Structures are given as C-alpha cells and as structure tokens.
C-alpha cells in the first residue's frame, strides 16, 4: 500500500500549479482550431477518434473557442466550454457561433472566475502595496490537497459544515470539492511528486542510505513498511525523503521483506545508488 501522504515529502522544484485536465483540453482546442477531429456517433467511447488534417484554415475569430468535429460525415462545431455542437460547415458562416458564445453559461462562469481583483500585500521592505489578484479554482484545490497531506487531515474534512462555511466566508467563488474529488486530486499530486523524486535522484551524484521501519495497524492487523532515503546533497546538507509507505503481506519472512524493499528501490531507480541499508525495526523473520 502506497499512501499519498508521502507526496508532501517530495522535492518541490518540479511542482507548480497544474491546471485541470478540462482546462488544458480547452486551451489545446482553442490553439488548434485548424485541426478537424473525426469521431464515431457514440459519445460513450473515444477509442476510434481519428485526427484529420484540415486543408482549409479557419481564420475567423469565431472558431477560436470551437473545435471542428465530424460525426457520421457531418461537420459540427463543438463549443470548448459547454461541449454543445452546432453546425460546423464552413458555408454556414460563424454568426451562429458568436451568438452561442453570448449565451453560453459555462463560458460566462469561467470568465467570471478569471476576472482580476485588488488585494493588499506587503512588499519586501515592509510597505503595504495594492496588487492584482486572480482567483483560480484549480490552484486553491491543489493547495487544499497539499494542506491535507502535510497536516494529515482526514479527507472527510471537506464535508464538515464548519469548514464549508469558513471557505464560503473567505472566498465565495471557491467550490469546495467532494471527498472523492479530493482523494483523486491527492493521488494525482502523488504521481507528479513521485516522478519528481525519481528525476531528482537520477541527477543526484551522491550515494543514498536507506532505512526502513515496520509498523502494524492494530485495527487491521496488517503490516506496513516505511522506506526513507538519506543522503547529502551538492551543498553538503543532509536530506531525508520518505520514499514509500507500503503494505507488507504476511508472513513477514526475510524473503517477503526483501522483495518488498527491492520493489521500492527499483521503482525509485535507487538500486545502484545504495551506500547502506538499515532496518530500524525488524519483525520476527524466518529465513
């Protein structure tokens, strides 16, 4: 079992505000208005999607927020905001596209969230200044996920009435995500941080010492192992990272523990950089 709480221990050099997948897809759709996509009639599957090169460039500004798709031989214009489909034949012009953008509720909501406001801030010399501030739902969600990981808060806190009232009073535009959405965000963050750790250790010139700590959950009667990496960076400063908190199946024999530990080291590409291995808490083992 690999818990996402280790995400908070990862280097933050590659971590940044990552936009949601929907926003990225919308941006790519707007940037590639000249590409035509041919998809089957069924909207439930995307396995047969075929990208077709459009021979005719769509120069009108009305196409910047639409994607031209082909369904059963008929061209459609798909709105990048609400995914509604309008007539996409170039002979129809773009007046109906502009009319749709004026009444598109999804577009209106996104535009409101991107409006800038003013806020008070403190400069480096201590003086108070006024600066622009743009509320971003995705950035706040990411910070909330990081806060839950760092302080080990329960995921259910997003369902607490007091927390929701606090968020509404602080920023009415913020939509508190559900518990399942928060869990997905944290797991996605963990994947990003895991890749960052692997890349970081690949560039590390020093050796790495590994310590492990076995732990048993009383309510589950299951064993877990925490694997921590210790090393000295290029500035000669000691560093430590929790690599994995992983489930160790019973029985906890020497072979089982070694196999689990080897899996962690290979997954992090550290099997050839180990200088020392120390088991801080060793369960009863049978060779």
C-alpha atoms as a PDB file:
ATOM      1  CA  UNK A   1       0.000   0.000   0.000  1.00  0.00           C
ATOM      2  CA  UNK A   2       1.468   3.255  -1.103  1.00  0.00           C
ATOM      3  CA  UNK A   3      -0.030   6.193   0.743  1.00  0.00           C
ATOM      4  CA  UNK A   4      -0.215   9.595  -0.897  1.00  0.00           C
ATOM      5  CA  UNK A   5       0.953  11.289   2.277  1.00  0.00           C
ATOM      6  CA  UNK A   6       4.488  10.848   1.029  1.00  0.00           C
ATOM      7  CA  UNK A   7       3.730  13.389  -1.640  1.00  0.00           C
ATOM      8  CA  UNK A   8       4.418  16.153   0.837  1.00  0.00           C
ATOM      9  CA  UNK A   9       7.967  14.883   1.268  1.00  0.00           C
ATOM     10  CA  UNK A  10       8.907  15.210  -2.384  1.00  0.00           C
ATOM     11  CA  UNK A  11      11.149  17.957  -3.777  1.00  0.00           C
ATOM     12  CA  UNK A  12       9.129  20.939  -4.848  1.00  0.00           C
ATOM     13  CA  UNK A  13      11.350  22.009  -7.740  1.00  0.00           C
ATOM     14  CA  UNK A  14       9.041  20.486 -10.353  1.00  0.00           C
ATOM     15  CA  UNK A  15       5.800  21.196  -8.516  1.00  0.00           C
ATOM     16  CA  UNK A  16       3.692  24.020  -9.768  1.00  0.00           C
ATOM     17  CA  UNK A  17       0.075  24.957 -10.165  1.00  0.00           C
ATOM     18  CA  UNK A  18      -1.161  22.389 -12.615  1.00  0.00           C
ATOM     19  CA  UNK A  19      -4.366  23.242 -14.467  1.00  0.00           C
ATOM     20  CA  UNK A  20      -7.168  20.743 -14.552  1.00  0.00           C
ATOM     21  CA  UNK A  21      -7.376  18.353 -17.485  1.00  0.00           C
ATOM     22  CA  UNK A  22     -10.502  20.081 -18.748  1.00  0.00           C
ATOM     23  CA  UNK A  23      -8.814  23.470 -18.883  1.00  0.00           C
ATOM     24  CA  UNK A  24      -5.796  22.016 -20.730  1.00  0.00           C
ATOM     25  CA  UNK A  25      -8.056  20.325 -23.234  1.00  0.00           C
ATOM     26  CA  UNK A  26      -9.958  23.578 -23.755  1.00  0.00           C
ATOM     27  CA  UNK A  27      -6.761  25.535 -24.295  1.00  0.00           C
ATOM     28  CA  UNK A  28      -5.466  22.993 -26.797  1.00  0.00           C
ATOM     29  CA  UNK A  29      -8.798  23.069 -28.591  1.00  0.00           C
ATOM     30  CA  UNK A  30      -8.589  26.837 -28.921  1.00  0.00           C
ATOM     31  CA  UNK A  31      -4.981  26.742 -30.075  1.00  0.00           C
ATOM     32  CA  UNK A  32      -5.625  24.036 -32.684  1.00  0.00           C
ATOM     33  CA  UNK A  33      -8.763  25.359 -34.281  1.00  0.00           C
ATOM     34  CA  UNK A  34      -7.382  24.296 -37.660  1.00  0.00           C
ATOM     35  CA  UNK A  35      -7.442  20.622 -36.748  1.00  0.00           C
ATOM     36  CA  UNK A  36     -10.535  18.577 -37.561  1.00  0.00           C
ATOM     37  CA  UNK A  37     -11.453  15.533 -35.486  1.00  0.00           C
ATOM     38  CA  UNK A  38     -13.500  12.642 -36.820  1.00  0.00           C
ATOM     39  CA  UNK A  39     -15.334  10.726 -34.100  1.00  0.00           C
ATOM     40  CA  UNK A  40     -17.987   7.988 -34.247  1.00  0.00           C
ATOM     41  CA  UNK A  41     -21.661   8.534 -33.499  1.00  0.00           C
ATOM     42  CA  UNK A  42     -21.399   7.045 -29.996  1.00  0.00           C
ATOM     43  CA  UNK A  43     -20.170   9.584 -27.449  1.00  0.00           C
ATOM     44  CA  UNK A  44     -19.524   6.951 -24.816  1.00  0.00           C
ATOM     45  CA  UNK A  45     -16.257   5.709 -26.326  1.00  0.00           C
ATOM     46  CA  UNK A  46     -13.210   7.575 -27.577  1.00  0.00           C
ATOM     47  CA  UNK A  47     -11.252   4.579 -28.846  1.00  0.00           C
ATOM     48  CA  UNK A  48     -11.976   5.307 -32.539  1.00  0.00           C
ATOM     49  CA  UNK A  49     -11.146   9.011 -32.502  1.00  0.00           C
ATOM     50  CA  UNK A  50      -9.181   9.969 -35.610  1.00  0.00           C
ATOM     51  CA  UNK A  51      -7.465  13.289 -36.110  1.00  0.00           C
ATOM     52  CA  UNK A  52      -7.838  14.562 -39.666  1.00  0.00           C
ATOM     53  CA  UNK A  53      -5.714  17.361 -41.074  1.00  0.00           C
ATOM     54  CA  UNK A  54      -7.927  20.218 -42.221  1.00  0.00           C
ATOM     55  CA  UNK A  55      -6.946  21.509 -45.633  1.00  0.00           C
ATOM     56  CA  UNK A  56      -8.707  24.793 -45.170  1.00  0.00           C
ATOM     57  CA  UNK A  57      -7.569  27.162 -42.460  1.00  0.00           C
ATOM     58  CA  UNK A  58     -10.328  28.530 -40.209  1.00  0.00           C
ATOM     59  CA  UNK A  59      -9.315  32.169 -39.955  1.00  0.00           C
ATOM     60  CA  UNK A  60     -12.462  33.552 -38.323  1.00  0.00           C
ATOM     61  CA  UNK A  61     -12.148  34.517 -34.658  1.00  0.00           C
ATOM     62  CA  UNK A  62     -15.395  32.643 -34.040  1.00  0.00           C
ATOM     63  CA  UNK A  63     -13.550  29.326 -34.352  1.00  0.00           C
ATOM     64  CA  UNK A  64     -11.085  30.124 -31.564  1.00  0.00           C
ATOM     65  CA  UNK A  65     -13.459  28.715 -28.969  1.00  0.00           C
ATOM     66  CA  UNK A  66     -14.799  25.841 -31.060  1.00  0.00           C
ATOM     67  CA  UNK A  67     -13.410  22.547 -32.291  1.00  0.00           C
ATOM     68  CA  UNK A  68     -14.471  21.253 -35.692  1.00  0.00           C
ATOM     69  CA  UNK A  69     -15.531  17.597 -35.451  1.00  0.00           C
ATOM     70  CA  UNK A  70     -17.077  15.213 -37.933  1.00  0.00           C
ATOM     71  CA  UNK A  71     -19.905  12.879 -36.910  1.00  0.00           C
ATOM     72  CA  UNK A  72     -21.236  10.415 -39.468  1.00  0.00           C
ATOM     73  CA  UNK A  73     -19.899  12.567 -42.281  1.00  0.00           C
ATOM     74  CA  UNK A  74     -21.495  15.774 -40.969  1.00  0.00           C
ATOM     75  CA  UNK A  75     -19.283  18.625 -39.754  1.00  0.00           C
ATOM     76  CA  UNK A  76     -20.074  20.042 -36.313  1.00  0.00           C
ATOM     77  CA  UNK A  77     -18.641  22.897 -34.250  1.00  0.00           C
ATOM     78  CA  UNK A  78     -18.133  21.792 -30.642  1.00  0.00           C
ATOM     79  CA  UNK A  79     -18.001  24.516 -28.003  1.00  0.00           C
ATOM     80  CA  UNK A  80     -14.866  24.206 -25.875  1.00  0.00           C
ATOM     81  CA  UNK A  81     -16.801  25.430 -22.817  1.00  0.00           C
ATOM     82  CA  UNK A  82     -20.095  23.514 -22.729  1.00  0.00           C
ATOM     83  CA  UNK A  83     -19.372  20.869 -25.419  1.00  0.00           C
ATOM     84  CA  UNK A  84     -22.587  21.745 -27.290  1.00  0.00           C
ATOM     85  CA  UNK A  85     -22.439  21.058 -31.023  1.00  0.00           C
ATOM     86  CA  UNK A  86     -23.598  23.463 -33.688  1.00  0.00           C
ATOM     87  CA  UNK A  87     -23.441  23.427 -37.464  1.00  0.00           C
ATOM     88  CA  UNK A  88     -19.810  23.161 -38.479  1.00  0.00           C
ATOM     89  CA  UNK A  89     -19.965  23.519 -42.235  1.00  0.00           C
ATOM     90  CA  UNK A  90     -17.871  26.483 -43.315  1.00  0.00           C
ATOM     91  CA  UNK A  91     -20.648  27.515 -45.691  1.00  0.00           C
ATOM     92  CA  UNK A  92     -22.848  28.333 -42.688  1.00  0.00           C
ATOM     93  CA  UNK A  93     -20.582  31.168 -41.577  1.00  0.00           C
ATOM     94  CA  UNK A  94     -19.777  31.961 -37.934  1.00  0.00           C
ATOM     95  CA  UNK A  95     -22.680  34.184 -36.869  1.00  0.00           C
ATOM     96  CA  UNK A  96     -24.357  31.312 -35.029  1.00  0.00           C
ATOM     97  CA  UNK A  97     -21.069  30.582 -33.248  1.00  0.00           C
ATOM     98  CA  UNK A  98     -20.803  34.136 -31.943  1.00  0.00           C
ATOM     99  CA  UNK A  99     -24.460  34.051 -30.875  1.00  0.00           C
ATOM    100  CA  UNK A 100     -23.837  30.851 -28.914  1.00  0.00           C
ATOM    101  CA  UNK A 101     -20.850  32.338 -27.064  1.00  0.00           C
ATOM    102  CA  UNK A 102     -23.023  35.204 -25.879  1.00  0.00           C
ATOM    103  CA  UNK A 103     -25.466  32.835 -24.120  1.00  0.00           C
ATOM    104  CA  UNK A 104     -23.061  30.030 -23.119  1.00  0.00           C
ATOM    105  CA  UNK A 105     -23.414  29.675 -19.330  1.00  0.00           C
ATOM    106  CA  UNK A 106     -20.224  27.609 -18.930  1.00  0.00           C
ATOM    107  CA  UNK A 107     -18.195  30.275 -20.709  1.00  0.00           C
ATOM    108  CA  UNK A 108     -19.709  33.011 -18.575  1.00  0.00           C
ATOM    109  CA  UNK A 109     -18.827  31.193 -15.339  1.00  0.00           C
ATOM    110  CA  UNK A 110     -15.226  30.594 -16.414  1.00  0.00           C
ATOM    111  CA  UNK A 111     -14.787  34.201 -17.456  1.00  0.00           C
ATOM    112  CA  UNK A 112     -16.013  35.416 -14.061  1.00  0.00           C
ATOM    113  CA  UNK A 113     -13.529  33.185 -12.257  1.00  0.00           C
ATOM    114  CA  UNK A 114     -10.672  34.673 -14.283  1.00  0.00           C
ATOM    115  CA  UNK A 115     -11.506  38.307 -13.526  1.00  0.00           C
ATOM    116  CA  UNK A 116      -8.841  40.122 -11.589  1.00  0.00           C
ATOM    117  CA  UNK A 117      -9.437  41.907  -8.297  1.00  0.00           C
ATOM    118  CA  UNK A 118      -7.301  44.018  -5.992  1.00  0.00           C
ATOM    119  CA  UNK A 119      -5.785  42.898  -2.714  1.00  0.00           C
ATOM    120  CA  UNK A 120      -3.453  44.271  -0.090  1.00  0.00           C
ATOM    121  CA  UNK A 121       0.060  42.808   0.082  1.00  0.00           C
ATOM    122  CA  UNK A 122       3.311  43.504   1.900  1.00  0.00           C
ATOM    123  CA  UNK A 123       6.428  44.358  -0.084  1.00  0.00           C
ATOM    124  CA  UNK A 124       9.942  43.202   0.808  1.00  0.00           C
ATOM    125  CA  UNK A 125      10.674  46.458   2.631  1.00  0.00           C
ATOM    126  CA  UNK A 126       7.538  46.103   4.761  1.00  0.00           C
ATOM    127  CA  UNK A 127       5.411  48.650   2.968  1.00  0.00           C
ATOM    128  CA  UNK A 128       1.794  47.829   2.117  1.00  0.00           C
ATOM    129  CA  UNK A 129       1.003  47.750  -1.592  1.00  0.00           C
ATOM    130  CA  UNK A 130      -2.062  47.045  -3.717  1.00  0.00           C
ATOM    131  CA  UNK A 131      -1.706  44.346  -6.347  1.00  0.00           C
ATOM    132  CA  UNK A 132      -3.889  42.428  -8.773  1.00  0.00           C
ATOM    133  CA  UNK A 133      -5.266  39.063  -7.714  1.00  0.00           C
ATOM    134  CA  UNK A 134      -6.953  36.462  -9.919  1.00  0.00           C
ATOM    135  CA  UNK A 135      -8.857  33.699  -8.172  1.00  0.00           C
ATOM    136  CA  UNK A 136      -8.099  30.262  -9.619  1.00  0.00           C
ATOM    137  CA  UNK A 137     -10.242  27.330  -8.518  1.00  0.00           C
ATOM    138  CA  UNK A 138      -7.619  24.751  -9.526  1.00  0.00           C
ATOM    139  CA  UNK A 139      -4.799  26.435  -7.603  1.00  0.00           C
ATOM    140  CA  UNK A 140      -6.894  26.559  -4.436  1.00  0.00           C
ATOM    141  CA  UNK A 141      -7.854  22.895  -4.824  1.00  0.00           C
ATOM    142  CA  UNK A 142      -4.199  21.960  -5.168  1.00  0.00           C
ATOM    143  CA  UNK A 143      -3.250  23.923  -2.060  1.00  0.00           C
ATOM    144  CA  UNK A 144      -6.098  22.266  -0.149  1.00  0.00           C
ATOM    145  CA  UNK A 145      -4.858  18.820  -1.174  1.00  0.00           C
ATOM    146  CA  UNK A 146      -1.327  19.719  -0.103  1.00  0.00           C
ATOM    147  CA  UNK A 147      -2.563  21.001   3.256  1.00  0.00           C
ATOM    148  CA  UNK A 148      -4.404  17.724   3.910  1.00  0.00           C
ATOM    149  CA  UNK A 149      -1.224  15.764   3.134  1.00  0.00           C
ATOM    150  CA  UNK A 150       1.148  17.924   5.165  1.00  0.00           C
ATOM    151  CA  UNK A 151      -1.016  18.046   8.301  1.00  0.00           C
ATOM    152  CA  UNK A 152      -2.535  14.567   7.847  1.00  0.00           C
ATOM    153  CA  UNK A 153      -6.083  15.866   7.987  1.00  0.00           C
ATOM    154  CA  UNK A 154      -8.891  13.401   7.192  1.00  0.00           C
ATOM    155  CA  UNK A 155     -10.402  13.629   3.736  1.00  0.00           C
ATOM    156  CA  UNK A 156     -13.809  13.975   5.345  1.00  0.00           C
ATOM    157  CA  UNK A 157     -12.931  17.493   6.498  1.00  0.00           C
ATOM    158  CA  UNK A 158     -14.235  18.826   3.160  1.00  0.00           C
ATOM    159  CA  UNK A 159     -17.685  17.614   4.214  1.00  0.00           C
ATOM    160  CA  UNK A 160     -17.638  19.402   7.568  1.00  0.00           C
ATOM    161  CA  UNK A 161     -20.189  22.181   7.791  1.00  0.00           C
ATOM    162  CA  UNK A 162     -17.823  24.490   9.635  1.00  0.00           C
ATOM    163  CA  UNK A 163     -15.099  24.112   7.002  1.00  0.00           C
ATOM    164  CA  UNK A 164     -17.548  24.814   4.181  1.00  0.00           C
ATOM    165  CA  UNK A 165     -18.862  27.921   5.935  1.00  0.00           C
ATOM    166  CA  UNK A 166     -15.305  29.133   6.501  1.00  0.00           C
ATOM    167  CA  UNK A 167     -14.445  28.702   2.802  1.00  0.00           C
ATOM    168  CA  UNK A 168     -17.648  30.464   1.742  1.00  0.00           C
ATOM    169  CA  UNK A 169     -16.898  33.415   4.022  1.00  0.00           C
ATOM    170  CA  UNK A 170     -13.269  33.677   2.880  1.00  0.00           C
ATOM    171  CA  UNK A 171     -13.855  33.217  -0.870  1.00  0.00           C
ATOM    172  CA  UNK A 172     -17.440  32.822  -2.093  1.00  0.00           C
ATOM    173  CA  UNK A 173     -16.229  31.786  -5.557  1.00  0.00           C
ATOM    174  CA  UNK A 174     -14.454  28.700  -4.212  1.00  0.00           C
ATOM    175  CA  UNK A 175     -16.426  25.497  -4.742  1.00  0.00           C
ATOM    176  CA  UNK A 176     -15.394  23.036  -2.025  1.00  0.00           C
ATOM    177  CA  UNK A 177     -14.676  19.696  -3.731  1.00  0.00           C
ATOM    178  CA  UNK A 178     -16.208  16.438  -2.563  1.00  0.00           C
ATOM    179  CA  UNK A 179     -14.287  13.834  -0.587  1.00  0.00           C
ATOM    180  CA  UNK A 180     -13.862  11.619  -3.657  1.00  0.00           C
ATOM    181  CA  UNK A 181     -12.622  14.528  -5.737  1.00  0.00           C
ATOM    182  CA  UNK A 182     -10.145  15.447  -3.028  1.00  0.00           C
ATOM    183  CA  UNK A 183      -8.870  11.871  -2.936  1.00  0.00           C
ATOM    184  CA  UNK A 184      -8.374  11.914  -6.711  1.00  0.00           C
ATOM    185  CA  UNK A 185      -6.510  15.232  -6.529  1.00  0.00           C
ATOM    186  CA  UNK A 186      -4.166  13.897  -3.869  1.00  0.00           C
ATOM    187  CA  UNK A 187      -3.437  10.722  -5.815  1.00  0.00           C
ATOM    188  CA  UNK A 188      -2.719  12.771  -8.938  1.00  0.00           C
ATOM    189  CA  UNK A 189      -0.414  15.000  -6.920  1.00  0.00           C
ATOM    190  CA  UNK A 190       1.339  11.915  -5.572  1.00  0.00           C
ATOM    191  CA  UNK A 191       2.016  10.655  -9.099  1.00  0.00           C
ATOM    192  CA  UNK A 192       3.548  14.002 -10.069  1.00  0.00           C
ATOM    193  CA  UNK A 193       5.706  14.137  -6.955  1.00  0.00           C
ATOM    194  CA  UNK A 194       6.814  10.534  -7.456  1.00  0.00           C
ATOM    195  CA  UNK A 195       8.094  11.368 -10.923  1.00  0.00           C
ATOM    196  CA  UNK A 196       9.841  14.404  -9.452  1.00  0.00           C
ATOM    197  CA  UNK A 197      11.595  12.228  -6.863  1.00  0.00           C
ATOM    198  CA  UNK A 198      12.780   9.747  -9.494  1.00  0.00           C
ATOM    199  CA  UNK A 199      14.141  12.546 -11.674  1.00  0.00           C
ATOM    200  CA  UNK A 200      15.803  14.178  -8.678  1.00  0.00           C
ATOM    201  CA  UNK A 201      17.643  11.021  -7.596  1.00  0.00           C
ATOM    202  CA  UNK A 202      18.719  10.273 -11.167  1.00  0.00           C
ATOM    203  CA  UNK A 203      20.597  13.588 -11.202  1.00  0.00           C
ATOM    204  CA  UNK A 204      21.973  13.139  -7.676  1.00  0.00           C
ATOM    205  CA  UNK A 205      25.704  12.457  -7.627  1.00  0.00           C
ATOM    206  CA  UNK A 206      25.976  11.167  -4.051  1.00  0.00           C
ATOM    207  CA  UNK A 207      25.100   7.765  -2.622  1.00  0.00           C
ATOM    208  CA  UNK A 208      21.876   7.124  -0.703  1.00  0.00           C
ATOM    209  CA  UNK A 209      21.387   5.352   2.618  1.00  0.00           C
ATOM    210  CA  UNK A 210      18.093   3.534   3.176  1.00  0.00           C
ATOM    211  CA  UNK A 211      16.314   2.965   6.486  1.00  0.00           C
ATOM    212  CA  UNK A 212      13.105   1.021   6.989  1.00  0.00           C
ATOM    213  CA  UNK A 213      10.577   0.954   9.786  1.00  0.00           C
ATOM    214  CA  UNK A 214       7.956  -1.772  10.183  1.00  0.00           C
ATOM    215  CA  UNK A 215       4.563  -0.808  11.563  1.00  0.00           C
ATOM    216  CA  UNK A 216       1.424  -2.817  12.307  1.00  0.00           C
ATOM    217  CA  UNK A 217      -2.086  -1.369  12.177  1.00  0.00           C
ATOM    218  CA  UNK A 218      -3.911  -2.611  15.274  1.00  0.00           C
ATOM    219  CA  UNK A 219      -7.386  -2.289  13.774  1.00  0.00           C
ATOM    220  CA  UNK A 220      -6.434  -4.147  10.600  1.00  0.00           C
ATOM    221  CA  UNK A 221      -3.683  -6.421  11.897  1.00  0.00           C
ATOM    222  CA  UNK A 222      -1.704  -5.654   8.755  1.00  0.00           C
ATOM    223  CA  UNK A 223       1.967  -4.845   8.469  1.00  0.00           C
ATOM    224  CA  UNK A 224       3.379  -1.821   6.686  1.00  0.00           C
ATOM    225  CA  UNK A 225       6.904  -0.615   5.989  1.00  0.00           C
ATOM    226  CA  UNK A 226       8.142   2.958   5.708  1.00  0.00           C
ATOM    227  CA  UNK A 227      11.181   3.346   3.438  1.00  0.00           C
ATOM    228  CA  UNK A 228      13.235   6.522   3.907  1.00  0.00           C
ATOM    229  CA  UNK A 229      16.197   7.739   1.843  1.00  0.00           C
ATOM    230  CA  UNK A 230      19.033   9.686   3.483  1.00  0.00           C
ATOM    231  CA  UNK A 231      21.779  11.481   1.556  1.00  0.00           C
ATOM    232  CA  UNK A 232      23.984  14.574   1.386  1.00  0.00           C
ATOM    233  CA  UNK A 233      23.140  16.989  -1.402  1.00  0.00           C
ATOM    234  CA  UNK A 234      25.546  19.038  -3.509  1.00  0.00           C
ATOM    235  CA  UNK A 235      25.589  21.753  -0.826  1.00  0.00           C
ATOM    236  CA  UNK A 236      26.744  19.207   1.785  1.00  0.00           C
ATOM    237  CA  UNK A 237      23.467  19.398   3.646  1.00  0.00           C
ATOM    238  CA  UNK A 238      21.851  16.197   4.995  1.00  0.00           C
ATOM    239  CA  UNK A 239      18.475  15.429   3.457  1.00  0.00           C
ATOM    240  CA  UNK A 240      15.825  12.776   4.046  1.00  0.00           C
ATOM    241  CA  UNK A 241      12.795  11.746   1.989  1.00  0.00           C
ATOM    242  CA  UNK A 242      10.069   9.276   2.763  1.00  0.00           C
ATOM    243  CA  UNK A 243      10.008   7.193  -0.416  1.00  0.00           C
ATOM    244  CA  UNK A 244       7.176   4.771   0.259  1.00  0.00           C
ATOM    245  CA  UNK A 245       4.787   3.609   2.950  1.00  0.00           C
ATOM    246  CA  UNK A 246       3.934   0.203   1.595  1.00  0.00           C
ATOM    247  CA  UNK A 247       1.918  -2.808   2.664  1.00  0.00           C
ATOM    248  CA  UNK A 248       3.932  -5.920   3.533  1.00  0.00           C
ATOM    249  CA  UNK A 249       1.932  -9.125   3.124  1.00  0.00           C
ATOM    250  CA  UNK A 250       2.131 -11.834   5.745  1.00  0.00           C
ATOM    251  CA  UNK A 251       4.079 -13.812   6.706  1.00  0.00           C
ATOM    252  CA  UNK A 252       6.826 -11.258   7.336  1.00  0.00           C
ATOM    253  CA  UNK A 253       9.685 -13.545   6.403  1.00  0.00           C
ATOM    254  CA  UNK A 254      13.082 -12.317   5.244  1.00  0.00           C
ATOM    255  CA  UNK A 255      12.214 -13.126   1.641  1.00  0.00           C
ATOM    256  CA  UNK A 256       8.944 -11.162   1.747  1.00  0.00           C
ATOM    257  CA  UNK A 257      10.503  -8.057   3.333  1.00  0.00           C
ATOM    258  CA  UNK A 258      13.463  -8.118   0.928  1.00  0.00           C
ATOM    259  CA  UNK A 259      11.174  -8.466  -2.089  1.00  0.00           C
ATOM    260  CA  UNK A 260       9.034  -5.528  -0.993  1.00  0.00           C
ATOM    261  CA  UNK A 261      12.087  -3.351  -0.289  1.00  0.00           C
ATOM    262  CA  UNK A 262      13.651  -4.270  -3.619  1.00  0.00           C
ATOM    263  CA  UNK A 263      10.436  -3.289  -5.378  1.00  0.00           C
ATOM    264  CA  UNK A 264      10.591   0.161  -3.775  1.00  0.00           C
ATOM    265  CA  UNK A 265      14.240   0.711  -4.687  1.00  0.00           C
ATOM    266  CA  UNK A 266      13.752  -0.359  -8.297  1.00  0.00           C
ATOM    267  CA  UNK A 267      10.648   1.794  -8.603  1.00  0.00           C
ATOM    268  CA  UNK A 268      12.678   4.833  -7.492  1.00  0.00           C
ATOM    269  CA  UNK A 269      15.742   3.833  -9.574  1.00  0.00           C
ATOM    270  CA  UNK A 270      17.920   3.633  -6.471  1.00  0.00           C
ATOM    271  CA  UNK A 271      19.031   0.011  -6.644  1.00  0.00           C
ATOM    272  CA  UNK A 272      22.505   1.047  -7.896  1.00  0.00           C
ATOM    273  CA  UNK A 273      22.994   4.035  -5.570  1.00  0.00           C
ATOM    274  CA  UNK A 274      22.652   2.391  -2.165  1.00  0.00           C
ATOM    275  CA  UNK A 275      25.510   3.009   0.269  1.00  0.00           C
ATOM    276  CA  UNK A 276      23.938   1.494   3.383  1.00  0.00           C
ATOM    277  CA  UNK A 277      20.761  -0.343   4.335  1.00  0.00           C
ATOM    278  CA  UNK A 278      19.478  -0.347   7.909  1.00  0.00           C
ATOM    279  CA  UNK A 279      16.322  -1.970   9.305  1.00  0.00           C
ATOM    280  CA  UNK A 280      15.367   0.097  12.351  1.00  0.00           C
ATOM    281  CA  UNK A 281      12.546  -2.191  13.451  1.00  0.00           C
ATOM    282  CA  UNK A 282      12.755  -5.793  12.348  1.00  0.00           C
ATOM    283  CA  UNK A 283       9.740  -8.095  12.700  1.00  0.00           C
ATOM    284  CA  UNK A 284      10.239 -11.748  13.585  1.00  0.00           C
ATOM    285  CA  UNK A 285      11.676 -13.309  10.455  1.00  0.00           C
ATOM    286  CA  UNK A 286      12.276 -16.865   9.327  1.00  0.00           C
ATOM    287  CA  UNK A 287      14.929 -17.492   6.736  1.00  0.00           C
END
